[in-house]
Amino acid sequence: MQKCILDSTTKIVVNVIEIDDGVEWNLSEGTEFAPQHDGNMFDTWDGTQFVAPVVETVLEEDMNTVAGTIPNVIG
């Protein structure tokens, strides 16, 4: 059985484990099991469902622009 472990404060999935039914698992302080277990790492539990994190796509042109703004400190 898959179980999702949440950070108790942020409700972000910090680990997904596979354990047998009925097996006792001692959670670290500050963590808790999610009520549902179909989430993935870094998902957030919103109280009803898991919400995947927003992933931004960076285009190559944007990377070149950002790289051009970083000063060259190698001397």
N, C-alpha and C. Protein backbone atom coordinates (compact mmCIF):
# COMPACT_ATOMS: atom_id res chain seq x y z
N MET A 1 0.83 -1.17 0.00
CA MET A 1 0.00 0.00 0.00
C MET A 1 0.89 1.25 0.00
N GLN A 2 0.57 2.19 -0.87
CA GLN A 2 1.29 3.46 -0.92
C GLN A 2 0.72 4.40 0.13
N LYS A 3 1.60 5.12 0.83
CA LYS A 3 1.17 6.13 1.79
C LYS A 3 1.97 7.39 1.55
N CYS A 4 1.29 8.52 1.64
CA CYS A 4 1.92 9.82 1.47
C CYS A 4 2.15 10.44 2.85
N ILE A 5 3.36 10.93 3.06
CA ILE A 5 3.71 11.58 4.32
C ILE A 5 3.79 13.08 4.06
N LEU A 6 3.06 13.85 4.88
CA LEU A 6 3.00 15.29 4.74
C LEU A 6 3.83 15.99 5.80
N ASP A 7 4.38 17.15 5.44
CA ASP A 7 4.89 18.08 6.44
C ASP A 7 3.65 18.60 7.16
N SER A 8 3.61 18.52 8.48
CA SER A 8 2.41 18.89 9.24
C SER A 8 2.04 20.36 9.11
N THR A 9 3.01 21.21 8.85
CA THR A 9 2.75 22.65 8.75
C THR A 9 2.35 23.05 7.34
N THR A 10 3.15 22.66 6.34
CA THR A 10 2.91 23.11 4.96
C THR A 10 1.94 22.22 4.20
N LYS A 11 1.75 20.99 4.69
CA LYS A 11 0.90 19.97 4.03
C LYS A 11 1.45 19.57 2.66
N ILE A 12 2.76 19.70 2.47
CA ILE A 12 3.43 19.27 1.25
C ILE A 12 3.90 17.83 1.45
N VAL A 13 3.74 17.01 0.41
CA VAL A 13 4.19 15.61 0.48
C VAL A 13 5.72 15.60 0.51
N VAL A 14 6.27 15.07 1.60
CA VAL A 14 7.72 15.00 1.77
C VAL A 14 8.27 13.61 1.52
N ASN A 15 7.36 12.61 1.45
CA ASN A 15 7.80 11.26 1.16
C ASN A 15 6.59 10.43 0.74
N VAL A 16 6.83 9.48 -0.13
CA VAL A 16 5.81 8.50 -0.52
C VAL A 16 6.44 7.14 -0.27
N ILE A 17 5.78 6.33 0.55
CA ILE A 17 6.34 5.04 0.93
C ILE A 17 5.39 3.92 0.53
N GLU A 18 5.93 2.74 0.45
CA GLU A 18 5.16 1.53 0.16
C GLU A 18 5.30 0.62 1.37
N ILE A 19 4.19 0.37 2.08
CA ILE A 19 4.23 -0.52 3.24
C ILE A 19 3.05 -1.48 3.18
N ASP A 20 3.20 -2.61 3.85
CA ASP A 20 2.14 -3.62 3.90
C ASP A 20 1.03 -3.15 4.84
N ASP A 21 -0.21 -3.54 4.54
CA ASP A 21 -1.34 -3.24 5.42
C ASP A 21 -1.06 -3.73 6.82
N GLY A 22 -1.41 -2.93 7.82
CA GLY A 22 -1.26 -3.33 9.21
C GLY A 22 0.12 -3.10 9.80
N VAL A 23 1.08 -2.71 8.98
CA VAL A 23 2.43 -2.46 9.50
C VAL A 23 2.45 -1.11 10.21
N GLU A 24 3.02 -1.09 11.41
CA GLU A 24 3.17 0.16 12.16
C GLU A 24 4.32 0.97 11.58
N TRP A 25 4.15 2.28 11.46
CA TRP A 25 5.19 3.15 10.93
C TRP A 25 5.29 4.35 11.85
N ASN A 26 6.45 4.58 12.43
CA ASN A 26 6.65 5.72 13.31
C ASN A 26 7.07 6.92 12.48
N LEU A 27 6.24 7.94 12.48
CA LEU A 27 6.52 9.14 11.71
C LEU A 27 7.45 10.07 12.49
N SER A 28 8.26 10.80 11.76
CA SER A 28 9.12 11.80 12.37
C SER A 28 8.27 12.95 12.91
N GLU A 29 8.78 13.63 13.92
CA GLU A 29 8.07 14.79 14.46
C GLU A 29 7.86 15.82 13.35
N GLY A 30 6.69 16.40 13.28
CA GLY A 30 6.39 17.40 12.27
C GLY A 30 5.85 16.83 10.97
N THR A 31 5.59 15.50 10.95
CA THR A 31 5.02 14.87 9.76
C THR A 31 3.76 14.11 10.14
N GLU A 32 2.95 13.82 9.13
CA GLU A 32 1.71 13.07 9.34
C GLU A 32 1.34 12.36 8.04
N PHE A 33 0.52 11.32 8.17
CA PHE A 33 0.01 10.65 6.98
C PHE A 33 -1.09 11.50 6.37
N ALA A 34 -1.14 11.53 5.05
CA ALA A 34 -2.23 12.20 4.34
C ALA A 34 -3.47 11.34 4.43
N PRO A 35 -4.66 11.96 4.39
CA PRO A 35 -5.89 11.18 4.42
C PRO A 35 -6.08 10.30 3.18
N GLN A 36 -5.51 10.72 2.06
CA GLN A 36 -5.52 9.93 0.83
C GLN A 36 -4.07 9.64 0.48
N HIS A 37 -3.87 8.62 -0.36
CA HIS A 37 -2.50 8.21 -0.63
C HIS A 37 -2.20 8.09 -2.11
N ASP A 38 -2.82 8.94 -2.91
CA ASP A 38 -2.57 8.92 -4.35
C ASP A 38 -1.77 10.14 -4.80
N GLY A 39 -1.07 10.77 -3.87
CA GLY A 39 -0.27 11.96 -4.20
C GLY A 39 1.14 11.61 -4.63
N ASN A 40 1.87 12.63 -5.00
CA ASN A 40 3.26 12.50 -5.44
C ASN A 40 4.13 13.47 -4.63
N MET A 41 5.43 13.24 -4.67
CA MET A 41 6.36 14.13 -3.99
C MET A 41 6.09 15.58 -4.40
N PHE A 42 6.12 16.47 -3.42
CA PHE A 42 5.97 17.92 -3.56
C PHE A 42 4.54 18.37 -3.86
N ASP A 43 3.57 17.43 -3.98
CA ASP A 43 2.17 17.83 -4.06
C ASP A 43 1.78 18.47 -2.73
N THR A 44 0.74 19.29 -2.74
CA THR A 44 0.20 19.89 -1.53
C THR A 44 -1.20 19.34 -1.27
N TRP A 45 -1.47 18.95 -0.03
CA TRP A 45 -2.79 18.50 0.36
C TRP A 45 -3.60 19.73 0.73
N ASP A 46 -4.71 19.99 0.01
CA ASP A 46 -5.50 21.20 0.27
C ASP A 46 -6.69 20.95 1.19
N GLY A 47 -6.74 19.78 1.79
CA GLY A 47 -7.84 19.43 2.67
C GLY A 47 -8.86 18.53 2.01
N THR A 48 -8.82 18.48 0.68
CA THR A 48 -9.74 17.65 -0.09
C THR A 48 -9.03 16.78 -1.10
N GLN A 49 -7.96 17.33 -1.70
CA GLN A 49 -7.24 16.61 -2.75
C GLN A 49 -5.79 17.08 -2.80
N PHE A 50 -4.98 16.34 -3.55
CA PHE A 50 -3.60 16.75 -3.78
C PHE A 50 -3.55 17.73 -4.95
N VAL A 51 -2.71 18.74 -4.80
CA VAL A 51 -2.52 19.73 -5.85
C VAL A 51 -1.04 19.69 -6.24
N ALA A 52 -0.78 19.46 -7.53
CA ALA A 52 0.60 19.38 -8.02
C ALA A 52 1.23 20.77 -8.00
N PRO A 53 2.54 20.84 -7.76
CA PRO A 53 3.21 22.13 -7.78
C PRO A 53 3.22 22.72 -9.19
N VAL A 54 3.26 24.03 -9.26
CA VAL A 54 3.33 24.72 -10.55
C VAL A 54 4.78 24.64 -11.04
N VAL A 55 4.94 24.18 -12.25
CA VAL A 55 6.27 24.07 -12.85
C VAL A 55 6.34 25.05 -14.01
N GLU A 56 7.30 25.95 -13.94
CA GLU A 56 7.46 26.93 -15.00
C GLU A 56 8.44 26.42 -16.04
N THR A 57 8.13 26.68 -17.29
CA THR A 57 9.02 26.32 -18.37
C THR A 57 9.85 27.54 -18.72
N VAL A 58 11.15 27.37 -18.77
CA VAL A 58 12.05 28.46 -19.12
C VAL A 58 12.57 28.20 -20.53
N LEU A 59 12.32 29.15 -21.40
CA LEU A 59 12.78 29.02 -22.78
C LEU A 59 14.26 29.31 -22.87
N GLU A 60 14.91 28.74 -23.87
CA GLU A 60 16.35 28.93 -24.04
C GLU A 60 16.70 30.40 -24.18
N GLU A 61 15.86 31.17 -24.88
CA GLU A 61 16.13 32.61 -25.03
C GLU A 61 16.14 33.30 -23.67
N ASP A 62 15.22 32.90 -22.80
CA ASP A 62 15.17 33.49 -21.47
C ASP A 62 16.41 33.12 -20.67
N MET A 63 16.90 31.90 -20.81
CA MET A 63 18.10 31.48 -20.10
C MET A 63 19.29 32.32 -20.54
N ASN A 64 19.38 32.61 -21.83
CA ASN A 64 20.48 33.44 -22.33
C ASN A 64 20.39 34.86 -21.78
N THR A 65 19.18 35.38 -21.66
CA THR A 65 18.99 36.72 -21.10
C THR A 65 19.42 36.75 -19.65
N VAL A 66 19.00 35.75 -18.87
CA VAL A 66 19.37 35.69 -17.46
C VAL A 66 20.87 35.50 -17.33
N ALA A 67 21.46 34.62 -18.11
CA ALA A 67 22.89 34.37 -18.03
C ALA A 67 23.68 35.63 -18.37
N GLY A 68 23.16 36.46 -19.27
CA GLY A 68 23.85 37.69 -19.64
C GLY A 68 23.84 38.73 -18.55
N THR A 69 22.95 38.60 -17.56
CA THR A 69 22.87 39.58 -16.47
C THR A 69 23.74 39.21 -15.29
N ILE A 70 24.29 38.01 -15.29
CA ILE A 70 25.13 37.56 -14.18
C ILE A 70 26.56 38.02 -14.44
N PRO A 71 27.13 38.79 -13.51
CA PRO A 71 28.50 39.27 -13.74
C PRO A 71 29.52 38.13 -13.74
N ASN A 72 30.52 38.25 -14.55
CA ASN A 72 31.59 37.28 -14.62
C ASN A 72 32.60 37.62 -13.53
N VAL A 73 32.68 36.79 -12.49
CA VAL A 73 33.57 37.09 -11.36
C VAL A 73 34.84 36.26 -11.39
N ILE A 74 35.01 35.46 -12.43
CA ILE A 74 36.22 34.66 -12.53
C ILE A 74 37.31 35.54 -13.13
N GLY A 75 38.42 35.64 -12.45
CA GLY A 75 39.44 36.57 -12.91
C GLY A 75 40.72 35.96 -13.33
